[in-house]
All heavy atoms as atom14 arrays in JSON, in Angstrom:
{
  "sequence": "TSEYSSSGHLYLTWLQGADQAKRNETILQLAEAGISANVHYKPLPLL",
  "atom14_mask": [
    [1, 1, 1, 1, 1, 1, 1, 0, 0, 0, 0, 0, 0, 0],
    [1, 1, 1, 1, 1, 1, 0, 0, 0, 0, 0, 0, 0, 0],
    [1, 1, 1, 1, 1, 1, 1, 1, 1, 0, 0, 0, 0, 0],
    [1, 1, 1, 1, 1, 1, 1, 1, 1, 1, 1, 1, 0, 0],
    [1, 1, 1, 1, 1, 1, 0, 0, 0, 0, 0, 0, 0, 0],
    [1, 1, 1, 1, 1, 1, 0, 0, 0, 0, 0, 0, 0, 0],
    [1, 1, 1, 1, 1, 1, 0, 0, 0, 0, 0, 0, 0, 0],
    [1, 1, 1, 1, 0, 0, 0, 0, 0, 0, 0, 0, 0, 0],
    [1, 1, 1, 1, 1, 1, 1, 1, 1, 1, 0, 0, 0, 0],
    [1, 1, 1, 1, 1, 1, 1, 1, 0, 0, 0, 0, 0, 0],
    [1, 1, 1, 1, 1, 1, 1, 1, 1, 1, 1, 1, 0, 0],
    [1, 1, 1, 1, 1, 1, 1, 1, 0, 0, 0, 0, 0, 0],
    [1, 1, 1, 1, 1, 1, 1, 0, 0, 0, 0, 0, 0, 0],
    [1, 1, 1, 1, 1, 1, 1, 1, 1, 1, 1, 1, 1, 1],
    [1, 1, 1, 1, 1, 1, 1, 1, 0, 0, 0, 0, 0, 0],
    [1, 1, 1, 1, 1, 1, 1, 1, 1, 0, 0, 0, 0, 0],
    [1, 1, 1, 1, 0, 0, 0, 0, 0, 0, 0, 0, 0, 0],
    [1, 1, 1, 1, 1, 0, 0, 0, 0, 0, 0, 0, 0, 0],
    [1, 1, 1, 1, 1, 1, 1, 1, 0, 0, 0, 0, 0, 0],
    [1, 1, 1, 1, 1, 1, 1, 1, 1, 0, 0, 0, 0, 0],
    [1, 1, 1, 1, 1, 0, 0, 0, 0, 0, 0, 0, 0, 0],
    [1, 1, 1, 1, 1, 1, 1, 1, 1, 0, 0, 0, 0, 0],
    [1, 1, 1, 1, 1, 1, 1, 1, 1, 1, 1, 0, 0, 0],
    [1, 1, 1, 1, 1, 1, 1, 1, 0, 0, 0, 0, 0, 0],
    [1, 1, 1, 1, 1, 1, 1, 1, 1, 0, 0, 0, 0, 0],
    [1, 1, 1, 1, 1, 1, 1, 0, 0, 0, 0, 0, 0, 0],
    [1, 1, 1, 1, 1, 1, 1, 1, 0, 0, 0, 0, 0, 0],
    [1, 1, 1, 1, 1, 1, 1, 1, 0, 0, 0, 0, 0, 0],
    [1, 1, 1, 1, 1, 1, 1, 1, 1, 0, 0, 0, 0, 0],
    [1, 1, 1, 1, 1, 1, 1, 1, 0, 0, 0, 0, 0, 0],
    [1, 1, 1, 1, 1, 0, 0, 0, 0, 0, 0, 0, 0, 0],
    [1, 1, 1, 1, 1, 1, 1, 1, 1, 0, 0, 0, 0, 0],
    [1, 1, 1, 1, 1, 0, 0, 0, 0, 0, 0, 0, 0, 0],
    [1, 1, 1, 1, 0, 0, 0, 0, 0, 0, 0, 0, 0, 0],
    [1, 1, 1, 1, 1, 1, 1, 1, 0, 0, 0, 0, 0, 0],
    [1, 1, 1, 1, 1, 1, 0, 0, 0, 0, 0, 0, 0, 0],
    [1, 1, 1, 1, 1, 0, 0, 0, 0, 0, 0, 0, 0, 0],
    [1, 1, 1, 1, 1, 1, 1, 1, 0, 0, 0, 0, 0, 0],
    [1, 1, 1, 1, 1, 1, 1, 0, 0, 0, 0, 0, 0, 0],
    [1, 1, 1, 1, 1, 1, 1, 1, 1, 1, 0, 0, 0, 0],
    [1, 1, 1, 1, 1, 1, 1, 1, 1, 1, 1, 1, 0, 0],
    [1, 1, 1, 1, 1, 1, 1, 1, 1, 0, 0, 0, 0, 0],
    [1, 1, 1, 1, 1, 1, 1, 0, 0, 0, 0, 0, 0, 0],
    [1, 1, 1, 1, 1, 1, 1, 1, 0, 0, 0, 0, 0, 0],
    [1, 1, 1, 1, 1, 1, 1, 0, 0, 0, 0, 0, 0, 0],
    [1, 1, 1, 1, 1, 1, 1, 1, 0, 0, 0, 0, 0, 0],
    [1, 1, 1, 1, 1, 1, 1, 1, 0, 0, 0, 0, 0, 0]
  ],
  "atom14_positions": [
    [[19.51, -3.01, -2.98], [20.08, -3.39, -4.28], [21.56, -3.1, -4.2], [22.1, -2.65, -3.17], [19.46, -2.52, -5.39], [19.93, -1.14, -5.23], [17.9, -2.48, -5.29], [0.0, 0.0, 0.0], [0.0, 0.0, 0.0], [0.0, 0.0, 0.0], [0.0, 0.0, 0.0], [0.0, 0.0, 0.0], [0.0, 0.0, 0.0], [0.0, 0.0, 0.0]],
    [[22.2, -3.31, -5.34], [23.62, -2.96, -5.37], [23.96, -1.5, -5.36], [25.01, -1.0, -4.98], [24.24, -3.62, -6.69], [23.6, -3.0, -7.76], [0.0, 0.0, 0.0], [0.0, 0.0, 0.0], [0.0, 0.0, 0.0], [0.0, 0.0, 0.0], [0.0, 0.0, 0.0], [0.0, 0.0, 0.0], [0.0, 0.0, 0.0], [0.0, 0.0, 0.0]],
    [[22.87, -0.7, -5.65], [23.06, 0.83, -5.56], [22.69, 1.42, -4.26], [23.33, 2.5, -3.91], [22.14, 1.41, -6.69], [22.46, 0.99, -8.08], [21.53, 1.61, -9.09], [20.59, 2.4, -8.67], [21.62, 1.33, -10.27], [0.0, 0.0, 0.0], [0.0, 0.0, 0.0], [0.0, 0.0, 0.0], [0.0, 0.0, 0.0], [0.0, 0.0, 0.0]],
    [[21.74, 0.86, -3.48], [21.28, 1.43, -2.29], [20.91, 0.5, -1.2], [20.63, -0.68, -1.5], [20.13, 2.43, -2.56], [18.91, 1.85, -3.11], [18.08, 1.06, -2.3], [18.65, 1.97, -4.53], [16.91, 0.47, -2.85], [17.44, 1.31, -5.03], [16.65, 0.64, -4.21], [15.52, 0.01, -4.68], [0.0, 0.0, 0.0], [0.0, 0.0, 0.0]],
    [[20.93, 0.96, 0.01], [20.44, 0.17, 1.12], [19.4, 1.05, 1.87], [19.82, 2.14, 2.32], [21.55, -0.2, 2.09], [21.11, -0.92, 3.2], [0.0, 0.0, 0.0], [0.0, 0.0, 0.0], [0.0, 0.0, 0.0], [0.0, 0.0, 0.0], [0.0, 0.0, 0.0], [0.0, 0.0, 0.0], [0.0, 0.0, 0.0], [0.0, 0.0, 0.0]],
    [[18.19, 0.64, 1.95], [17.1, 1.41, 2.51], [17.11, 1.38, 4.02], [17.8, 0.48, 4.58], [15.78, 0.85, 2.0], [14.67, 1.31, 2.67], [0.0, 0.0, 0.0], [0.0, 0.0, 0.0], [0.0, 0.0, 0.0], [0.0, 0.0, 0.0], [0.0, 0.0, 0.0], [0.0, 0.0, 0.0], [0.0, 0.0, 0.0], [0.0, 0.0, 0.0]],
    [[16.47, 2.38, 4.61], [16.26, 2.33, 6.05], [15.07, 1.49, 6.43], [14.85, 1.22, 7.59], [15.95, 3.75, 6.6], [14.69, 4.25, 6.11], [0.0, 0.0, 0.0], [0.0, 0.0, 0.0], [0.0, 0.0, 0.0], [0.0, 0.0, 0.0], [0.0, 0.0, 0.0], [0.0, 0.0, 0.0], [0.0, 0.0, 0.0], [0.0, 0.0, 0.0]],
    [[14.37, 1.03, 5.4], [13.24, 0.09, 5.7], [12.02, 0.67, 6.42], [11.53, 0.06, 7.2], [0.0, 0.0, 0.0], [0.0, 0.0, 0.0], [0.0, 0.0, 0.0], [0.0, 0.0, 0.0], [0.0, 0.0, 0.0], [0.0, 0.0, 0.0], [0.0, 0.0, 0.0], [0.0, 0.0, 0.0], [0.0, 0.0, 0.0], [0.0, 0.0, 0.0]],
    [[11.74, 1.87, 5.96], [10.71, 2.57, 6.81], [9.28, 2.06, 6.53], [8.46, 1.9, 7.38], [10.79, 4.1, 6.53], [9.67, 4.8, 7.24], [9.51, 4.76, 8.68], [8.72, 5.64, 6.8], [8.49, 5.49, 9.06], [7.96, 6.05, 7.9], [0.0, 0.0, 0.0], [0.0, 0.0, 0.0], [0.0, 0.0, 0.0], [0.0, 0.0, 0.0]],
    [[9.01, 1.91, 5.2], [7.66, 1.45, 4.81], [7.72, 0.25, 3.85], [8.68, 0.27, 2.98], [6.91, 2.62, 4.11], [6.58, 3.85, 4.98], [5.96, 4.92, 3.97], [5.51, 3.48, 6.02], [0.0, 0.0, 0.0], [0.0, 0.0, 0.0], [0.0, 0.0, 0.0], [0.0, 0.0, 0.0], [0.0, 0.0, 0.0], [0.0, 0.0, 0.0]],
    [[6.81, -0.68, 4.0], [6.78, -1.8, 3.12], [5.61, -1.63, 2.06], [4.44, -1.96, 2.31], [6.51, -3.16, 3.89], [6.83, -4.33, 2.93], [8.14, -4.78, 2.82], [5.83, -5.04, 2.39], [8.45, -5.9, 2.03], [6.05, -6.14, 1.56], [7.41, -6.55, 1.39], [7.66, -7.7, 0.63], [0.0, 0.0, 0.0], [0.0, 0.0, 0.0]],
    [[6.0, -0.94, 0.96], [5.08, -0.68, -0.1], [4.91, -1.89, -1.02], [5.92, -2.48, -1.35], [5.44, 0.5, -0.88], [5.1, 1.9, -0.36], [5.85, 2.3, 0.89], [5.37, 2.99, -1.51], [0.0, 0.0, 0.0], [0.0, 0.0, 0.0], [0.0, 0.0, 0.0], [0.0, 0.0, 0.0], [0.0, 0.0, 0.0], [0.0, 0.0, 0.0]],
    [[3.67, -2.16, -1.37], [3.47, -3.25, -2.35], [2.53, -2.73, -3.47], [1.76, -1.79, -3.21], [2.87, -4.52, -1.72], [1.5, -4.21, -1.4], [3.65, -4.97, -0.51], [0.0, 0.0, 0.0], [0.0, 0.0, 0.0], [0.0, 0.0, 0.0], [0.0, 0.0, 0.0], [0.0, 0.0, 0.0], [0.0, 0.0, 0.0], [0.0, 0.0, 0.0]],
    [[2.5, -3.4, -4.56], [1.48, -3.16, -5.6], [0.75, -4.52, -5.97], [1.41, -5.52, -6.12], [2.11, -2.58, -6.84], [2.54, -1.16, -6.61], [1.72, -0.01, -6.89], [3.77, -0.69, -6.03], [2.37, 1.16, -6.47], [3.64, 0.7, -5.93], [4.88, -1.26, -5.53], [4.6, 1.54, -5.41], [5.92, -0.5, -4.98], [5.72, 0.88, -4.96]],
    [[-0.52, -4.39, -5.95], [-1.39, -5.61, -6.2], [-1.73, -5.71, -7.67], [-2.53, -5.1, -8.2], [-2.67, -5.47, -5.34], [-2.54, -5.01, -3.86], [-3.83, -5.01, -3.21], [-1.61, -5.9, -3.16], [0.0, 0.0, 0.0], [0.0, 0.0, 0.0], [0.0, 0.0, 0.0], [0.0, 0.0, 0.0], [0.0, 0.0, 0.0], [0.0, 0.0, 0.0]],
    [[-0.91, -6.58, -8.34], [-1.06, -6.74, -9.77], [-2.44, -7.2, -10.11], [-3.03, -8.11, -9.52], [-0.03, -7.79, -10.27], [1.34, -7.21, -10.56], [2.14, -8.1, -11.56], [1.99, -9.39, -11.51], [2.84, -7.51, -12.41], [0.0, 0.0, 0.0], [0.0, 0.0, 0.0], [0.0, 0.0, 0.0], [0.0, 0.0, 0.0], [0.0, 0.0, 0.0]],
    [[-2.98, -6.55, -11.18], [-4.28, -6.87, -11.63], [-5.42, -6.31, -10.85], [-6.6, -6.43, -11.14], [0.0, 0.0, 0.0], [0.0, 0.0, 0.0], [0.0, 0.0, 0.0], [0.0, 0.0, 0.0], [0.0, 0.0, 0.0], [0.0, 0.0, 0.0], [0.0, 0.0, 0.0], [0.0, 0.0, 0.0], [0.0, 0.0, 0.0], [0.0, 0.0, 0.0]],
    [[-5.11, -5.59, -9.75], [-6.13, -4.91, -8.94], [-6.33, -3.5, -9.31], [-5.37, -2.8, -9.73], [-5.75, -5.07, -7.42], [0.0, 0.0, 0.0], [0.0, 0.0, 0.0], [0.0, 0.0, 0.0], [0.0, 0.0, 0.0], [0.0, 0.0, 0.0], [0.0, 0.0, 0.0], [0.0, 0.0, 0.0], [0.0, 0.0, 0.0], [0.0, 0.0, 0.0]],
    [[-7.52, -3.01, -9.19], [-7.76, -1.6, -9.28], [-7.93, -0.93, -7.97], [-7.86, -1.62, -6.95], [-9.05, -1.38, -10.22], [-10.27, -1.95, -9.69], [-10.33, -2.46, -8.47], [-11.28, -2.05, -10.36], [0.0, 0.0, 0.0], [0.0, 0.0, 0.0], [0.0, 0.0, 0.0], [0.0, 0.0, 0.0], [0.0, 0.0, 0.0], [0.0, 0.0, 0.0]],
    [[-8.32, 0.27, -7.91], [-8.43, 1.01, -6.71], [-9.55, 0.49, -5.74], [-9.34, 0.32, -4.57], [-8.76, 2.57, -6.92], [-8.59, 3.43, -5.7], [-8.63, 4.85, -6.0], [-8.25, 5.32, -7.18], [-9.19, 5.7, -5.07], [0.0, 0.0, 0.0], [0.0, 0.0, 0.0], [0.0, 0.0, 0.0], [0.0, 0.0, 0.0], [0.0, 0.0, 0.0]],
    [[-10.59, 0.06, -6.36], [-11.74, -0.52, -5.61], [-11.31, -1.81, -4.97], [-11.57, -2.11, -3.79], [-12.88, -0.7, -6.53], [0.0, 0.0, 0.0], [0.0, 0.0, 0.0], [0.0, 0.0, 0.0], [0.0, 0.0, 0.0], [0.0, 0.0, 0.0], [0.0, 0.0, 0.0], [0.0, 0.0, 0.0], [0.0, 0.0, 0.0], [0.0, 0.0, 0.0]],
    [[-10.57, -2.69, -5.66], [-10.11, -3.92, -5.1], [-9.01, -3.6, -3.95], [-9.04, -4.3, -2.97], [-9.41, -4.81, -6.23], [-8.89, -6.05, -5.66], [-9.89, -7.03, -5.0], [-9.25, -8.34, -4.65], [-10.22, -9.16, -3.94], [0.0, 0.0, 0.0], [0.0, 0.0, 0.0], [0.0, 0.0, 0.0], [0.0, 0.0, 0.0], [0.0, 0.0, 0.0]],
    [[-8.13, -2.69, -4.26], [-7.18, -2.31, -3.21], [-7.94, -1.9, -1.97], [-7.52, -2.29, -0.79], [-6.25, -1.19, -3.74], [-5.08, -0.84, -2.82], [-5.43, 0.27, -1.83], [-5.95, 1.41, -2.47], [-5.4, 2.41, -3.11], [-4.12, 2.38, -3.28], [-6.12, 3.51, -3.52], [0.0, 0.0, 0.0], [0.0, 0.0, 0.0], [0.0, 0.0, 0.0]],
    [[-8.91, -1.0, -2.0], [-9.65, -0.52, -0.84], [-10.35, -1.69, -0.19], [-10.51, -1.68, 1.1], [-10.55, 0.57, -1.3], [-9.82, 1.87, -1.75], [-8.54, 1.94, -1.51], [-10.48, 2.76, -2.45], [0.0, 0.0, 0.0], [0.0, 0.0, 0.0], [0.0, 0.0, 0.0], [0.0, 0.0, 0.0], [0.0, 0.0, 0.0], [0.0, 0.0, 0.0]],
    [[-10.9, -2.51, -0.96], [-11.65, -3.71, -0.4], [-10.68, -4.6, 0.41], [-10.91, -5.09, 1.49], [-12.28, -4.56, -1.46], [-12.9, -5.81, -1.03], [-13.36, -6.73, -2.15], [-13.37, -6.26, -3.34], [-13.72, -7.88, -1.88], [0.0, 0.0, 0.0], [0.0, 0.0, 0.0], [0.0, 0.0, 0.0], [0.0, 0.0, 0.0], [0.0, 0.0, 0.0]],
    [[-9.46, -4.68, -0.17], [-8.46, -5.53, 0.52], [-8.0, -4.96, 1.86], [-7.78, -5.65, 2.83], [-7.26, -5.71, -0.42], [-7.64, -6.37, -1.59], [-6.14, -6.66, 0.27], [0.0, 0.0, 0.0], [0.0, 0.0, 0.0], [0.0, 0.0, 0.0], [0.0, 0.0, 0.0], [0.0, 0.0, 0.0], [0.0, 0.0, 0.0], [0.0, 0.0, 0.0]],
    [[-7.87, -3.61, 1.91], [-7.5, -2.94, 3.17], [-8.64, -3.12, 4.16], [-8.27, -3.42, 5.4], [-7.32, -1.5, 2.9], [-6.07, -1.18, 2.09], [-7.32, -0.55, 4.19], [-5.78, 0.28, 1.67], [0.0, 0.0, 0.0], [0.0, 0.0, 0.0], [0.0, 0.0, 0.0], [0.0, 0.0, 0.0], [0.0, 0.0, 0.0], [0.0, 0.0, 0.0]],
    [[-9.9, -3.15, 3.78], [-10.99, -3.43, 4.72], [-10.92, -4.82, 5.23], [-11.18, -5.06, 6.4], [-12.3, -3.03, 3.95], [-13.56, -3.3, 4.82], [-13.5, -2.4, 6.15], [-14.79, -2.95, 4.05], [0.0, 0.0, 0.0], [0.0, 0.0, 0.0], [0.0, 0.0, 0.0], [0.0, 0.0, 0.0], [0.0, 0.0, 0.0], [0.0, 0.0, 0.0]],
    [[-10.69, -5.79, 4.27], [-10.64, -7.26, 4.71], [-9.48, -7.45, 5.7], [-9.6, -8.12, 6.68], [-10.38, -8.09, 3.5], [-11.6, -8.17, 2.62], [-11.3, -8.88, 1.28], [-10.32, -8.67, 0.61], [-12.22, -9.79, 0.92], [0.0, 0.0, 0.0], [0.0, 0.0, 0.0], [0.0, 0.0, 0.0], [0.0, 0.0, 0.0], [0.0, 0.0, 0.0]],
    [[-8.32, -6.73, 5.43], [-7.23, -6.79, 6.36], [-7.56, -6.31, 7.68], [-7.25, -6.89, 8.79], [-5.98, -6.17, 5.82], [-5.23, -6.75, 4.65], [-4.22, -5.82, 3.94], [-4.61, -8.04, 5.09], [0.0, 0.0, 0.0], [0.0, 0.0, 0.0], [0.0, 0.0, 0.0], [0.0, 0.0, 0.0], [0.0, 0.0, 0.0], [0.0, 0.0, 0.0]],
    [[-8.35, -5.16, 7.76], [-8.74, -4.49, 8.93], [-9.67, -5.45, 9.79], [-9.51, -5.61, 11.01], [-9.42, -3.19, 8.71], [0.0, 0.0, 0.0], [0.0, 0.0, 0.0], [0.0, 0.0, 0.0], [0.0, 0.0, 0.0], [0.0, 0.0, 0.0], [0.0, 0.0, 0.0], [0.0, 0.0, 0.0], [0.0, 0.0, 0.0], [0.0, 0.0, 0.0]],
    [[-10.51, -6.16, 9.03], [-11.41, -7.06, 9.75], [-10.69, -8.35, 10.22], [-11.14, -8.95, 11.27], [-12.5, -7.56, 8.74], [-13.52, -6.51, 8.34], [-14.44, -6.86, 7.26], [-14.1, -7.82, 6.51], [-15.39, -6.07, 7.05], [0.0, 0.0, 0.0], [0.0, 0.0, 0.0], [0.0, 0.0, 0.0], [0.0, 0.0, 0.0], [0.0, 0.0, 0.0]],
    [[-9.45, -8.59, 9.74], [-8.66, -9.65, 10.27], [-7.66, -9.09, 11.25], [-6.74, -9.87, 11.74], [-7.86, -10.24, 9.13], [0.0, 0.0, 0.0], [0.0, 0.0, 0.0], [0.0, 0.0, 0.0], [0.0, 0.0, 0.0], [0.0, 0.0, 0.0], [0.0, 0.0, 0.0], [0.0, 0.0, 0.0], [0.0, 0.0, 0.0], [0.0, 0.0, 0.0]],
    [[-7.81, -7.83, 11.71], [-6.99, -7.33, 12.8], [-5.7, -6.74, 12.26], [-4.71, -6.53, 13.07], [0.0, 0.0, 0.0], [0.0, 0.0, 0.0], [0.0, 0.0, 0.0], [0.0, 0.0, 0.0], [0.0, 0.0, 0.0], [0.0, 0.0, 0.0], [0.0, 0.0, 0.0], [0.0, 0.0, 0.0], [0.0, 0.0, 0.0], [0.0, 0.0, 0.0]],
    [[-5.65, -6.42, 10.97], [-4.3, -6.0, 10.43], [-4.53, -4.52, 9.95], [-5.4, -4.3, 9.05], [-3.93, -6.81, 9.24], [-3.67, -8.25, 9.71], [-2.68, -6.25, 8.58], [-3.6, -9.26, 8.59], [0.0, 0.0, 0.0], [0.0, 0.0, 0.0], [0.0, 0.0, 0.0], [0.0, 0.0, 0.0], [0.0, 0.0, 0.0], [0.0, 0.0, 0.0]],
    [[-3.71, -3.64, 10.39], [-3.79, -2.19, 9.89], [-2.92, -2.04, 8.66], [-1.65, -2.32, 8.76], [-3.27, -1.26, 11.05], [-4.12, -1.36, 12.18], [0.0, 0.0, 0.0], [0.0, 0.0, 0.0], [0.0, 0.0, 0.0], [0.0, 0.0, 0.0], [0.0, 0.0, 0.0], [0.0, 0.0, 0.0], [0.0, 0.0, 0.0], [0.0, 0.0, 0.0]],
    [[-3.47, -1.67, 7.63], [-2.68, -1.32, 6.34], [-2.97, 0.08, 5.93], [-3.8, 0.86, 6.53], [-3.15, -2.29, 5.26], [0.0, 0.0, 0.0], [0.0, 0.0, 0.0], [0.0, 0.0, 0.0], [0.0, 0.0, 0.0], [0.0, 0.0, 0.0], [0.0, 0.0, 0.0], [0.0, 0.0, 0.0], [0.0, 0.0, 0.0], [0.0, 0.0, 0.0]],
    [[-2.23, 0.56, 4.98], [-2.32, 1.98, 4.62], [-2.01, 2.14, 3.15], [-1.75, 1.15, 2.45], [-1.22, 2.83, 5.45], [-1.7, 4.13, 5.77], [-2.37, 4.89, 4.9], [-1.42, 4.67, 6.92], [0.0, 0.0, 0.0], [0.0, 0.0, 0.0], [0.0, 0.0, 0.0], [0.0, 0.0, 0.0], [0.0, 0.0, 0.0], [0.0, 0.0, 0.0]],
    [[-1.94, 3.37, 2.66], [-1.59, 3.7, 1.31], [-0.62, 4.8, 1.29], [-0.78, 5.83, 2.01], [-2.89, 4.1, 0.45], [-2.55, 4.6, -0.94], [-3.88, 3.0, 0.38], [0.0, 0.0, 0.0], [0.0, 0.0, 0.0], [0.0, 0.0, 0.0], [0.0, 0.0, 0.0], [0.0, 0.0, 0.0], [0.0, 0.0, 0.0], [0.0, 0.0, 0.0]],
    [[0.45, 4.75, 0.54], [1.52, 5.72, 0.41], [1.83, 5.96, -1.02], [2.56, 5.08, -1.64], [2.71, 5.37, 1.23], [2.52, 5.31, 2.68], [2.0, 4.18, 3.33], [2.75, 6.27, 3.62], [1.89, 4.41, 4.67], [2.38, 5.64, 4.84], [0.0, 0.0, 0.0], [0.0, 0.0, 0.0], [0.0, 0.0, 0.0], [0.0, 0.0, 0.0]],
    [[1.43, 7.05, -1.61], [0.65, 8.19, -1.12], [-0.37, 8.47, -2.13], [-0.27, 8.08, -3.28], [1.51, 9.39, -0.91], [2.24, 9.44, 0.3], [3.72, 9.18, 0.29], [1.79, 9.69, 1.62], [4.42, 9.2, 1.39], [2.5, 9.73, 2.75], [3.86, 9.46, 2.72], [4.59, 9.45, 3.81], [0.0, 0.0, 0.0], [0.0, 0.0, 0.0]],
    [[-1.38, 9.24, -1.73], [-2.34, 9.82, -2.69], [-1.53, 11.01, -3.3], [-1.17, 11.93, -2.68], [-3.52, 10.34, -1.93], [-4.76, 10.73, -2.83], [-5.96, 10.93, -2.07], [-7.24, 11.15, -2.87], [-8.41, 11.4, -2.08], [0.0, 0.0, 0.0], [0.0, 0.0, 0.0], [0.0, 0.0, 0.0], [0.0, 0.0, 0.0], [0.0, 0.0, 0.0]],
    [[-1.36, 10.94, -4.64], [-0.55, 12.0, -5.25], [-1.13, 13.36, -5.05], [-2.35, 13.53, -4.94], [-0.67, 11.65, -6.84], [-0.9, 10.14, -6.78], [-1.74, 9.87, -5.57], [0.0, 0.0, 0.0], [0.0, 0.0, 0.0], [0.0, 0.0, 0.0], [0.0, 0.0, 0.0], [0.0, 0.0, 0.0], [0.0, 0.0, 0.0], [0.0, 0.0, 0.0]],
    [[-0.28, 14.34, -4.93], [-0.72, 15.68, -4.66], [-1.77, 16.28, -5.53], [-2.68, 16.91, -5.09], [0.47, 16.63, -4.55], [1.51, 16.31, -3.52], [2.67, 17.38, -3.55], [0.99, 16.21, -2.1], [0.0, 0.0, 0.0], [0.0, 0.0, 0.0], [0.0, 0.0, 0.0], [0.0, 0.0, 0.0], [0.0, 0.0, 0.0], [0.0, 0.0, 0.0]],
    [[-1.69, 15.99, -6.96], [-2.7, 16.57, -7.73], [-4.18, 16.04, -7.56], [-5.1, 16.54, -8.08], [-2.23, 16.14, -9.13], [-0.7, 16.0, -9.01], [-0.53, 15.44, -7.66], [0.0, 0.0, 0.0], [0.0, 0.0, 0.0], [0.0, 0.0, 0.0], [0.0, 0.0, 0.0], [0.0, 0.0, 0.0], [0.0, 0.0, 0.0], [0.0, 0.0, 0.0]],
    [[-4.31, 14.9, -6.7], [-5.59, 14.44, -6.39], [-6.15, 15.04, -5.17], [-7.31, 14.86, -4.84], [-5.46, 12.89, -6.14], [-5.24, 12.01, -7.37], [-5.06, 10.58, -6.85], [-6.24, 12.07, -8.42], [0.0, 0.0, 0.0], [0.0, 0.0, 0.0], [0.0, 0.0, 0.0], [0.0, 0.0, 0.0], [0.0, 0.0, 0.0], [0.0, 0.0, 0.0]],
    [[-5.37, 15.91, -4.47], [-5.87, 16.56, -3.25], [-6.43, 17.95, -3.52], [-5.94, 18.65, -4.43], [-4.69, 16.64, -2.2], [-4.0, 15.29, -1.9], [-2.78, 15.54, -1.02], [-5.01, 14.35, -1.2], [0.0, 0.0, 0.0], [0.0, 0.0, 0.0], [0.0, 0.0, 0.0], [0.0, 0.0, 0.0], [0.0, 0.0, 0.0], [0.0, 0.0, 0.0]]
  ]
}
């Protein structure tokens, strides 16, 4: 942006209209297609 330039470490996205179950299902589908995906992060109060 005009304020900052990232190091581009992680490509975070949000899946509009999806809930946690749909997100997890999508990660599994990606894995079956040979694509490793992840989640950043599980908030500390959930741990």
